[in-house]
Amino acid sequence: MHKMDVGALEEHMMRLLTAAIVLMVLGCAKAPDFGNEPYIEFRDIRNNEIAQSDQADTIVFTLYFEDGDGDLRPDDGEPNVFFTDLRDSTVAFSFASPKIPREGSGNGVRGTLELRAGFLRGDICCLFDSGQPPCSQAIPIRSDTIYYDVHVFDAAGNKSNTVKAGPVVLLCD
C-alpha cells in the first residue's frame, strides 16, 4: 500500500474546498440592482398601419421593463400601463400588466411586456385641423400619424419614466 503524506492530503482537501466555495459564490444568482421606480423602454410595434373603417384590428406594442422592488403589477389587477395620444393628450387606452414572478433575493424584476391593443370601428379616429368631424372620411383620403406617451405605475404608486411609442399610421378612409 502506498502511504500518503498527511500534510499533502490536507493541502489537497483545502484546495478542493476553496474551489468549491469559489464555484458556489460565482454560481449564486446576483440580485438585480434596479431602482424602486419602474423603468421602461419602447422596443417594438407590430401591425401599426390600420384603417379607421376597419371592423376590428389589433396593434401590438412591446415594452422592456425593470422594477427594483418587484411590484410592477398592482395587487388589485387595475390598469397600470397608460398610453396617452399625443395628438390631443387623452389617455387612449390602458392595460393591467401581467403578474410577474420575482427574481433573486432582491425581488427585482425585468422583462418585456407584449401589449395587444384591440380596436373596433370608431375606437381610433383621424383628427382633422380643418374642423372636419373625427372619424369621418378625409377628402382626399389621407392618413394620420399617432404617437403615444407611455408610462407605468407599480403597486406602491411609483411612476416610471415616460417613453414615446409609435408610430401608428391611421388611414382616414
N, C-alpha and C. Protein backbone atom coordinates (compact mmCIF):
# COMPACT_ATOMS: atom_id res chain seq x y z
N MET A 1 0.82 -1.18 0.00
CA MET A 1 0.00 0.00 0.00
C MET A 1 0.86 1.24 0.00
N HIS A 2 0.34 2.19 -0.50
CA HIS A 2 1.02 3.47 -0.63
C HIS A 2 0.65 4.37 0.53
N LYS A 3 1.62 4.92 1.20
CA LYS A 3 1.34 5.83 2.30
C LYS A 3 1.26 7.24 1.74
N MET A 4 0.27 7.99 2.20
CA MET A 4 0.10 9.36 1.76
C MET A 4 0.51 10.29 2.88
N ASP A 5 1.21 11.33 2.53
CA ASP A 5 1.63 12.34 3.48
C ASP A 5 0.40 13.10 3.97
N VAL A 6 0.20 13.17 5.28
CA VAL A 6 -0.96 13.84 5.88
C VAL A 6 -0.98 15.32 5.49
N GLY A 7 0.15 15.97 5.45
CA GLY A 7 0.23 17.38 5.08
C GLY A 7 -0.21 17.61 3.65
N ALA A 8 0.19 16.73 2.74
CA ALA A 8 -0.21 16.85 1.33
C ALA A 8 -1.71 16.62 1.17
N LEU A 9 -2.23 15.66 1.94
CA LEU A 9 -3.67 15.39 1.90
C LEU A 9 -4.47 16.60 2.38
N GLU A 10 -4.03 17.21 3.45
CA GLU A 10 -4.72 18.41 3.98
C GLU A 10 -4.67 19.54 2.96
N GLU A 11 -3.52 19.71 2.33
CA GLU A 11 -3.37 20.78 1.33
C GLU A 11 -4.30 20.52 0.14
N HIS A 12 -4.37 19.28 -0.30
CA HIS A 12 -5.25 18.90 -1.41
C HIS A 12 -6.73 19.15 -1.05
N MET A 13 -7.12 18.76 0.15
CA MET A 13 -8.51 18.97 0.60
C MET A 13 -8.83 20.46 0.70
N MET A 14 -7.87 21.26 1.15
CA MET A 14 -8.08 22.69 1.27
C MET A 14 -8.28 23.33 -0.11
N ARG A 15 -7.52 22.87 -1.09
CA ARG A 15 -7.69 23.38 -2.47
C ARG A 15 -9.08 23.03 -3.00
N LEU A 16 -9.51 21.78 -2.78
CA LEU A 16 -10.85 21.37 -3.24
C LEU A 16 -11.94 22.19 -2.56
N LEU A 17 -11.80 22.42 -1.25
CA LEU A 17 -12.78 23.20 -0.52
C LEU A 17 -12.82 24.64 -1.02
N THR A 18 -11.66 25.22 -1.25
CA THR A 18 -11.59 26.59 -1.78
C THR A 18 -12.24 26.67 -3.15
N ALA A 19 -11.95 25.71 -4.02
CA ALA A 19 -12.54 25.70 -5.36
C ALA A 19 -14.06 25.57 -5.27
N ALA A 20 -14.55 24.73 -4.37
CA ALA A 20 -15.99 24.55 -4.21
C ALA A 20 -16.65 25.84 -3.74
N ILE A 21 -16.03 26.54 -2.80
CA ILE A 21 -16.58 27.81 -2.30
C ILE A 21 -16.60 28.86 -3.40
N VAL A 22 -15.52 28.96 -4.18
CA VAL A 22 -15.48 29.92 -5.28
C VAL A 22 -16.58 29.62 -6.28
N LEU A 23 -16.77 28.37 -6.65
CA LEU A 23 -17.83 28.00 -7.59
C LEU A 23 -19.22 28.31 -7.04
N MET A 24 -19.44 28.09 -5.77
CA MET A 24 -20.74 28.40 -5.17
C MET A 24 -21.00 29.89 -5.21
N VAL A 25 -20.01 30.70 -4.89
CA VAL A 25 -20.18 32.16 -4.90
C VAL A 25 -20.45 32.65 -6.31
N LEU A 26 -19.70 32.14 -7.28
CA LEU A 26 -19.91 32.56 -8.66
C LEU A 26 -21.25 32.07 -9.21
N GLY A 27 -21.72 30.95 -8.73
CA GLY A 27 -22.96 30.37 -9.24
C GLY A 27 -24.22 30.96 -8.65
N CYS A 28 -24.12 31.70 -7.57
CA CYS A 28 -25.31 32.27 -6.95
C CYS A 28 -25.88 33.36 -7.85
N ALA A 29 -27.20 33.44 -7.89
CA ALA A 29 -27.86 34.48 -8.67
C ALA A 29 -27.64 35.82 -8.00
N LYS A 30 -27.21 36.76 -8.78
CA LYS A 30 -26.99 38.10 -8.25
C LYS A 30 -28.31 38.86 -8.35
N ALA A 31 -28.71 39.48 -7.26
CA ALA A 31 -29.95 40.25 -7.26
C ALA A 31 -29.81 41.44 -8.19
N PRO A 32 -30.83 41.72 -8.99
CA PRO A 32 -30.74 42.86 -9.89
C PRO A 32 -30.63 44.16 -9.09
N ASP A 33 -29.94 45.13 -9.65
CA ASP A 33 -29.74 46.42 -8.99
C ASP A 33 -30.57 47.48 -9.71
N PHE A 34 -31.88 47.45 -9.52
CA PHE A 34 -32.80 48.39 -10.16
C PHE A 34 -33.35 49.33 -9.10
N GLY A 35 -33.78 50.51 -9.53
CA GLY A 35 -34.45 51.44 -8.62
C GLY A 35 -35.86 50.95 -8.31
N ASN A 36 -36.47 51.53 -7.28
CA ASN A 36 -37.84 51.15 -6.92
C ASN A 36 -38.88 51.70 -7.89
N GLU A 37 -38.53 52.78 -8.61
CA GLU A 37 -39.44 53.30 -9.62
C GLU A 37 -39.28 52.44 -10.88
N PRO A 38 -40.38 52.05 -11.49
CA PRO A 38 -40.27 51.26 -12.71
C PRO A 38 -39.52 52.04 -13.80
N TYR A 39 -38.81 51.31 -14.62
CA TYR A 39 -38.12 51.88 -15.78
C TYR A 39 -38.61 51.13 -17.00
N ILE A 40 -38.97 51.87 -18.07
CA ILE A 40 -39.45 51.21 -19.29
C ILE A 40 -38.71 51.75 -20.51
N GLU A 41 -38.69 50.92 -21.55
CA GLU A 41 -38.18 51.30 -22.87
C GLU A 41 -39.17 50.79 -23.91
N PHE A 42 -39.45 51.60 -24.92
CA PHE A 42 -40.26 51.15 -26.05
C PHE A 42 -39.35 50.32 -26.95
N ARG A 43 -39.78 49.10 -27.28
CA ARG A 43 -38.94 48.21 -28.08
C ARG A 43 -39.48 47.97 -29.49
N ASP A 44 -40.82 47.82 -29.63
CA ASP A 44 -41.32 47.41 -30.94
C ASP A 44 -42.81 47.71 -31.05
N ILE A 45 -43.26 47.84 -32.29
CA ILE A 45 -44.69 47.94 -32.59
C ILE A 45 -44.95 47.09 -33.83
N ARG A 46 -46.02 46.33 -33.79
CA ARG A 46 -46.40 45.48 -34.93
C ARG A 46 -47.84 45.79 -35.33
N ASN A 47 -48.10 45.57 -36.62
CA ASN A 47 -49.42 45.84 -37.19
C ASN A 47 -49.82 47.29 -36.94
N ASN A 48 -48.93 48.20 -37.25
CA ASN A 48 -49.15 49.61 -36.89
C ASN A 48 -49.74 50.44 -38.02
N GLU A 49 -50.21 49.82 -39.08
CA GLU A 49 -50.94 50.56 -40.10
C GLU A 49 -52.35 50.00 -40.16
N ILE A 50 -53.31 50.84 -39.79
CA ILE A 50 -54.70 50.38 -39.73
C ILE A 50 -55.59 51.44 -40.37
N ALA A 51 -56.78 51.03 -40.74
CA ALA A 51 -57.77 51.94 -41.32
C ALA A 51 -58.85 52.21 -40.28
N GLN A 52 -59.26 53.48 -40.17
CA GLN A 52 -60.29 53.80 -39.19
C GLN A 52 -61.61 53.13 -39.51
N SER A 53 -61.79 52.65 -40.75
CA SER A 53 -63.05 51.98 -41.12
C SER A 53 -63.00 50.48 -40.85
N ASP A 54 -61.85 49.94 -40.42
CA ASP A 54 -61.77 48.51 -40.14
C ASP A 54 -62.80 48.12 -39.08
N GLN A 55 -63.39 46.95 -39.25
CA GLN A 55 -64.33 46.46 -38.25
C GLN A 55 -63.63 46.18 -36.93
N ALA A 56 -62.43 45.59 -37.01
CA ALA A 56 -61.65 45.28 -35.82
C ALA A 56 -60.20 45.11 -36.24
N ASP A 57 -59.29 45.50 -35.35
CA ASP A 57 -57.87 45.35 -35.61
C ASP A 57 -57.11 45.36 -34.30
N THR A 58 -55.87 44.94 -34.34
CA THR A 58 -55.05 44.88 -33.14
C THR A 58 -53.66 45.41 -33.44
N ILE A 59 -53.16 46.26 -32.56
CA ILE A 59 -51.79 46.76 -32.63
C ILE A 59 -51.05 46.14 -31.45
N VAL A 60 -49.82 45.68 -31.68
CA VAL A 60 -49.04 45.03 -30.63
C VAL A 60 -47.84 45.92 -30.28
N PHE A 61 -47.76 46.34 -29.02
CA PHE A 61 -46.66 47.14 -28.51
C PHE A 61 -45.79 46.25 -27.62
N THR A 62 -44.46 46.39 -27.73
CA THR A 62 -43.54 45.65 -26.86
C THR A 62 -42.73 46.66 -26.05
N LEU A 63 -42.76 46.50 -24.72
CA LEU A 63 -42.02 47.36 -23.81
C LEU A 63 -41.07 46.50 -22.98
N TYR A 64 -39.87 47.00 -22.75
CA TYR A 64 -38.94 46.40 -21.80
C TYR A 64 -39.17 47.10 -20.47
N PHE A 65 -39.06 46.37 -19.35
CA PHE A 65 -39.27 46.98 -18.04
C PHE A 65 -38.26 46.47 -17.03
N GLU A 66 -38.03 47.28 -16.00
CA GLU A 66 -37.27 46.91 -14.80
C GLU A 66 -38.00 47.53 -13.62
N ASP A 67 -38.03 46.80 -12.51
CA ASP A 67 -38.61 47.35 -11.28
C ASP A 67 -37.89 46.73 -10.08
N GLY A 68 -37.22 47.56 -9.31
CA GLY A 68 -36.35 47.10 -8.24
C GLY A 68 -37.05 46.43 -7.08
N ASP A 69 -38.28 46.87 -6.76
CA ASP A 69 -38.95 46.24 -5.62
C ASP A 69 -39.91 45.14 -6.07
N GLY A 70 -39.95 44.85 -7.37
CA GLY A 70 -40.65 43.67 -7.87
C GLY A 70 -42.16 43.73 -7.83
N ASP A 71 -42.72 44.93 -7.68
CA ASP A 71 -44.18 45.03 -7.56
C ASP A 71 -44.80 45.75 -8.76
N LEU A 72 -44.38 45.35 -9.96
CA LEU A 72 -44.84 46.05 -11.16
C LEU A 72 -46.36 45.98 -11.31
N ARG A 73 -46.96 44.87 -10.94
CA ARG A 73 -48.41 44.74 -11.10
C ARG A 73 -49.12 45.04 -9.78
N PRO A 74 -50.08 45.98 -9.80
CA PRO A 74 -50.86 46.22 -8.58
C PRO A 74 -51.64 44.96 -8.19
N ASP A 75 -51.78 44.75 -6.89
CA ASP A 75 -52.46 43.55 -6.39
C ASP A 75 -53.90 43.45 -6.84
N ASP A 76 -54.56 44.60 -7.05
CA ASP A 76 -55.97 44.58 -7.43
C ASP A 76 -56.19 44.32 -8.92
N GLY A 77 -55.10 44.25 -9.70
CA GLY A 77 -55.23 43.97 -11.13
C GLY A 77 -55.75 45.14 -11.95
N GLU A 78 -55.80 46.32 -11.35
CA GLU A 78 -56.26 47.51 -12.07
C GLU A 78 -55.24 47.90 -13.14
N PRO A 79 -55.67 48.61 -14.18
CA PRO A 79 -54.73 49.06 -15.21
C PRO A 79 -53.59 49.89 -14.59
N ASN A 80 -52.38 49.64 -15.08
CA ASN A 80 -51.22 50.38 -14.58
C ASN A 80 -50.27 50.79 -15.70
N VAL A 81 -50.61 50.47 -16.95
CA VAL A 81 -49.83 50.89 -18.12
C VAL A 81 -50.74 51.79 -18.94
N PHE A 82 -50.31 53.04 -19.14
CA PHE A 82 -51.18 54.04 -19.78
C PHE A 82 -50.55 54.58 -21.05
N PHE A 83 -51.36 54.65 -22.12
CA PHE A 83 -50.96 55.19 -23.42
C PHE A 83 -51.73 56.49 -23.65
N THR A 84 -51.01 57.59 -23.74
CA THR A 84 -51.63 58.90 -23.96
C THR A 84 -51.39 59.30 -25.41
N ASP A 85 -52.48 59.59 -26.13
CA ASP A 85 -52.42 60.02 -27.52
C ASP A 85 -51.82 61.42 -27.56
N LEU A 86 -50.68 61.58 -28.23
CA LEU A 86 -50.01 62.87 -28.26
C LEU A 86 -50.70 63.89 -29.16
N ARG A 87 -51.69 63.47 -29.94
CA ARG A 87 -52.41 64.44 -30.77
C ARG A 87 -53.32 65.32 -29.92
N ASP A 88 -53.92 64.74 -28.88
CA ASP A 88 -54.89 65.51 -28.08
C ASP A 88 -54.71 65.32 -26.57
N SER A 89 -53.65 64.63 -26.16
CA SER A 89 -53.30 64.43 -24.74
C SER A 89 -54.34 63.65 -23.94
N THR A 90 -55.11 62.80 -24.60
CA THR A 90 -56.07 61.97 -23.87
C THR A 90 -55.47 60.57 -23.68
N VAL A 91 -55.87 59.91 -22.58
CA VAL A 91 -55.46 58.53 -22.38
C VAL A 91 -56.26 57.70 -23.38
N ALA A 92 -55.55 57.14 -24.35
CA ALA A 92 -56.21 56.40 -25.42
C ALA A 92 -56.61 55.01 -24.98
N PHE A 93 -55.73 54.36 -24.20
CA PHE A 93 -56.03 53.03 -23.68
C PHE A 93 -55.06 52.71 -22.56
N SER A 94 -55.43 51.69 -21.77
CA SER A 94 -54.60 51.29 -20.64
C SER A 94 -54.67 49.77 -20.49
N PHE A 95 -53.68 49.23 -19.79
CA PHE A 95 -53.57 47.79 -19.59
C PHE A 95 -53.22 47.51 -18.14
N ALA A 96 -53.61 46.34 -17.67
CA ALA A 96 -53.10 45.82 -16.40
C ALA A 96 -51.95 44.90 -16.77
N SER A 97 -50.76 45.19 -16.25
CA SER A 97 -49.62 44.34 -16.58
C SER A 97 -49.86 42.95 -15.99
N PRO A 98 -49.30 41.92 -16.61
CA PRO A 98 -49.48 40.58 -16.09
C PRO A 98 -48.72 40.38 -14.79
N LYS A 99 -49.10 39.37 -14.03
CA LYS A 99 -48.37 39.01 -12.81
C LYS A 99 -46.99 38.52 -13.22
N ILE A 100 -45.97 39.06 -12.58
CA ILE A 100 -44.60 38.78 -12.97
C ILE A 100 -43.86 38.12 -11.81
N PRO A 101 -43.25 36.95 -12.04
CA PRO A 101 -42.51 36.30 -10.96
C PRO A 101 -41.30 37.13 -10.55
N ARG A 102 -40.99 37.14 -9.26
CA ARG A 102 -39.86 37.91 -8.75
C ARG A 102 -38.57 37.13 -8.95
N GLU A 103 -37.46 37.86 -9.17
CA GLU A 103 -36.14 37.26 -9.39
C GLU A 103 -35.25 37.48 -8.19
N GLY A 104 -34.37 36.54 -7.89
CA GLY A 104 -33.30 36.72 -6.91
C GLY A 104 -33.78 37.18 -5.55
N SER A 105 -32.85 37.39 -4.65
CA SER A 105 -33.20 37.77 -3.29
C SER A 105 -33.60 39.22 -3.19
N GLY A 106 -33.25 40.06 -4.18
CA GLY A 106 -33.61 41.47 -4.13
C GLY A 106 -35.01 41.73 -4.62
N ASN A 107 -35.66 40.70 -5.16
CA ASN A 107 -37.03 40.78 -5.66
C ASN A 107 -37.21 41.74 -6.82
N GLY A 108 -36.13 42.17 -7.48
CA GLY A 108 -36.26 43.00 -8.66
C GLY A 108 -36.77 42.17 -9.82
N VAL A 109 -37.45 42.81 -10.75
CA VAL A 109 -37.95 42.13 -11.93
C VAL A 109 -37.56 42.92 -13.17
N ARG A 110 -37.42 42.18 -14.26
CA ARG A 110 -37.17 42.79 -15.57
C ARG A 110 -37.70 41.84 -16.62
N GLY A 111 -38.01 42.39 -17.77
CA GLY A 111 -38.52 41.55 -18.85
C GLY A 111 -39.18 42.40 -19.90
N THR A 112 -40.01 41.78 -20.70
CA THR A 112 -40.75 42.51 -21.73
C THR A 112 -42.24 42.28 -21.55
N LEU A 113 -42.98 43.30 -21.88
CA LEU A 113 -44.44 43.22 -21.91
C LEU A 113 -44.87 43.30 -23.36
N GLU A 114 -45.69 42.38 -23.79
CA GLU A 114 -46.28 42.45 -25.12
C GLU A 114 -47.75 42.80 -24.91
N LEU A 115 -48.10 44.01 -25.30
CA LEU A 115 -49.44 44.54 -25.04
C LEU A 115 -50.21 44.63 -26.35
N ARG A 116 -51.37 44.00 -26.37
CA ARG A 116 -52.21 43.96 -27.57
C ARG A 116 -53.38 44.92 -27.40
N ALA A 117 -53.36 45.97 -28.21
CA ALA A 117 -54.44 46.96 -28.17
C ALA A 117 -55.44 46.62 -29.26
N GLY A 118 -56.61 46.14 -28.87
CA GLY A 118 -57.66 45.80 -29.82
C GLY A 118 -58.56 47.00 -30.06
N PHE A 119 -58.90 47.22 -31.32
CA PHE A 119 -59.74 48.35 -31.71
C PHE A 119 -60.93 47.87 -32.50
N LEU A 120 -62.06 48.50 -32.27
CA LEU A 120 -63.25 48.31 -33.08
C LEU A 120 -63.48 49.60 -33.86
N ARG A 121 -64.29 49.53 -34.88
CA ARG A 121 -64.57 50.73 -35.69
C ARG A 121 -65.03 51.86 -34.76
N GLY A 122 -64.39 53.01 -34.89
CA GLY A 122 -64.75 54.18 -34.09
C GLY A 122 -63.91 54.34 -32.83
N ASP A 123 -63.13 53.33 -32.47
CA ASP A 123 -62.28 53.43 -31.28
C ASP A 123 -61.07 54.34 -31.50
N ILE A 124 -60.59 54.38 -32.73
CA ILE A 124 -59.42 55.18 -33.06
C ILE A 124 -59.75 55.93 -34.35
N CYS A 125 -59.62 57.25 -34.31
CA CYS A 125 -60.09 58.09 -35.41
C CYS A 125 -59.05 59.10 -35.86
N CYS A 126 -59.17 59.47 -37.12
CA CYS A 126 -58.35 60.56 -37.64
C CYS A 126 -58.87 61.87 -37.06
N LEU A 127 -57.94 62.75 -36.72
CA LEU A 127 -58.29 64.10 -36.26
C LEU A 127 -57.87 65.08 -37.34
N PHE A 128 -58.72 66.06 -37.60
CA PHE A 128 -58.50 66.98 -38.72
C PHE A 128 -58.33 68.40 -38.21
N ASP A 129 -57.32 69.10 -38.74
CA ASP A 129 -57.10 70.50 -38.39
C ASP A 129 -58.18 71.40 -38.99
N SER A 130 -58.85 70.94 -40.04
CA SER A 130 -59.84 71.75 -40.76
C SER A 130 -61.15 71.88 -40.00
N GLY A 131 -61.32 71.14 -38.92
CA GLY A 131 -62.59 71.16 -38.20
C GLY A 131 -63.53 70.06 -38.64
N GLN A 132 -63.13 69.28 -39.63
CA GLN A 132 -63.93 68.15 -40.08
C GLN A 132 -64.11 67.20 -38.90
N PRO A 133 -65.29 66.62 -38.72
CA PRO A 133 -65.53 65.74 -37.57
C PRO A 133 -64.58 64.54 -37.54
N PRO A 134 -64.11 64.16 -36.34
CA PRO A 134 -63.27 62.97 -36.23
C PRO A 134 -63.99 61.74 -36.76
N CYS A 135 -63.26 60.79 -37.26
CA CYS A 135 -63.76 59.52 -37.78
C CYS A 135 -64.49 59.65 -39.11
N SER A 136 -64.56 60.83 -39.67
CA SER A 136 -65.20 60.95 -40.98
C SER A 136 -64.15 60.69 -42.06
N GLN A 137 -64.63 60.40 -43.27
CA GLN A 137 -63.72 60.10 -44.36
C GLN A 137 -63.05 61.38 -44.83
N ALA A 138 -61.74 61.35 -44.93
CA ALA A 138 -61.00 62.52 -45.41
C ALA A 138 -61.13 62.62 -46.91
N ILE A 139 -61.30 63.84 -47.37
CA ILE A 139 -61.37 64.07 -48.82
C ILE A 139 -60.29 65.08 -49.14
N PRO A 140 -59.26 64.79 -49.89
CA PRO A 140 -58.94 63.45 -50.39
C PRO A 140 -58.47 62.56 -49.24
N ILE A 141 -58.50 61.26 -49.51
CA ILE A 141 -58.10 60.30 -48.47
C ILE A 141 -56.65 60.56 -48.09
N ARG A 142 -56.42 60.61 -46.79
CA ARG A 142 -55.06 60.82 -46.27
C ARG A 142 -54.87 59.92 -45.05
N SER A 143 -53.77 60.09 -44.40
CA SER A 143 -53.51 59.31 -43.19
C SER A 143 -53.18 60.25 -42.04
N ASP A 144 -53.29 59.73 -40.84
CA ASP A 144 -52.96 60.45 -39.62
C ASP A 144 -51.92 59.60 -38.90
N THR A 145 -50.88 60.23 -38.37
CA THR A 145 -49.83 59.51 -37.66
C THR A 145 -49.98 59.76 -36.17
N ILE A 146 -49.99 58.68 -35.40
CA ILE A 146 -50.23 58.77 -33.97
C ILE A 146 -49.01 58.25 -33.21
N TYR A 147 -48.59 59.02 -32.23
CA TYR A 147 -47.58 58.58 -31.27
C TYR A 147 -48.22 58.62 -29.88
N TYR A 148 -47.73 57.79 -29.01
CA TYR A 148 -48.26 57.71 -27.65
C TYR A 148 -47.14 57.94 -26.64
N ASP A 149 -47.44 58.65 -25.56
CA ASP A 149 -46.58 58.67 -24.39
C ASP A 149 -47.05 57.52 -23.51
N VAL A 150 -46.09 56.71 -23.03
CA VAL A 150 -46.43 55.53 -22.24
C VAL A 150 -45.73 55.63 -20.88
N HIS A 151 -46.47 55.33 -19.84
CA HIS A 151 -45.87 55.24 -18.50
C HIS A 151 -46.58 54.13 -17.72
N VAL A 152 -45.91 53.71 -16.63
CA VAL A 152 -46.38 52.60 -15.81
C VAL A 152 -46.38 53.04 -14.35
N PHE A 153 -47.35 52.57 -13.60
CA PHE A 153 -47.34 52.72 -12.14
C PHE A 153 -47.19 51.33 -11.53
N ASP A 154 -46.38 51.20 -10.48
CA ASP A 154 -46.29 49.91 -9.80
C ASP A 154 -47.26 49.89 -8.61
N ALA A 155 -47.29 48.79 -7.88
CA ALA A 155 -48.24 48.63 -6.78
C ALA A 155 -48.06 49.67 -5.68
N ALA A 156 -46.83 50.16 -5.51
CA ALA A 156 -46.56 51.16 -4.47
C ALA A 156 -46.90 52.58 -4.95
N GLY A 157 -47.35 52.70 -6.21
CA GLY A 157 -47.70 54.01 -6.75
C GLY A 157 -46.53 54.74 -7.39
N ASN A 158 -45.38 54.08 -7.51
CA ASN A 158 -44.22 54.70 -8.16
C ASN A 158 -44.47 54.78 -9.65
N LYS A 159 -44.24 55.97 -10.22
CA LYS A 159 -44.44 56.18 -11.66
C LYS A 159 -43.12 56.00 -12.39
N SER A 160 -43.19 55.32 -13.53
CA SER A 160 -41.99 55.10 -14.35
C SER A 160 -41.63 56.36 -15.11
N ASN A 161 -40.54 56.27 -15.83
CA ASN A 161 -40.22 57.26 -16.85
C ASN A 161 -41.30 57.18 -17.93
N THR A 162 -41.35 58.16 -18.80
CA THR A 162 -42.30 58.18 -19.91
C THR A 162 -41.53 57.97 -21.20
N VAL A 163 -42.04 57.06 -22.05
CA VAL A 163 -41.43 56.80 -23.34
C VAL A 163 -42.43 57.08 -24.45
N LYS A 164 -41.90 57.38 -25.61
CA LYS A 164 -42.73 57.64 -26.79
C LYS A 164 -42.83 56.34 -27.60
N ALA A 165 -44.04 55.93 -27.92
CA ALA A 165 -44.29 54.69 -28.68
C ALA A 165 -45.01 55.03 -29.97
N GLY A 166 -44.67 54.32 -31.01
CA GLY A 166 -45.32 54.52 -32.29
C GLY A 166 -44.30 54.42 -33.41
N PRO A 167 -44.68 54.83 -34.58
CA PRO A 167 -45.95 55.45 -34.93
C PRO A 167 -47.03 54.43 -35.30
N VAL A 168 -48.27 54.88 -35.16
CA VAL A 168 -49.40 54.18 -35.72
C VAL A 168 -49.86 55.02 -36.90
N VAL A 169 -49.96 54.41 -38.07
CA VAL A 169 -50.43 55.11 -39.25
C VAL A 169 -51.88 54.74 -39.44
N LEU A 170 -52.74 55.74 -39.32
CA LEU A 170 -54.18 55.54 -39.40
C LEU A 170 -54.68 56.07 -40.74
N LEU A 171 -55.24 55.18 -41.55
CA LEU A 171 -55.78 55.59 -42.85
C LEU A 171 -57.16 56.19 -42.63
N CYS A 172 -57.33 57.42 -43.11
CA CYS A 172 -58.60 58.16 -42.86
C CYS A 172 -59.57 57.88 -44.01
N ASP A 173 -59.98 56.62 -44.15
CA ASP A 173 -60.88 56.23 -45.25
C ASP A 173 -62.33 56.31 -44.86
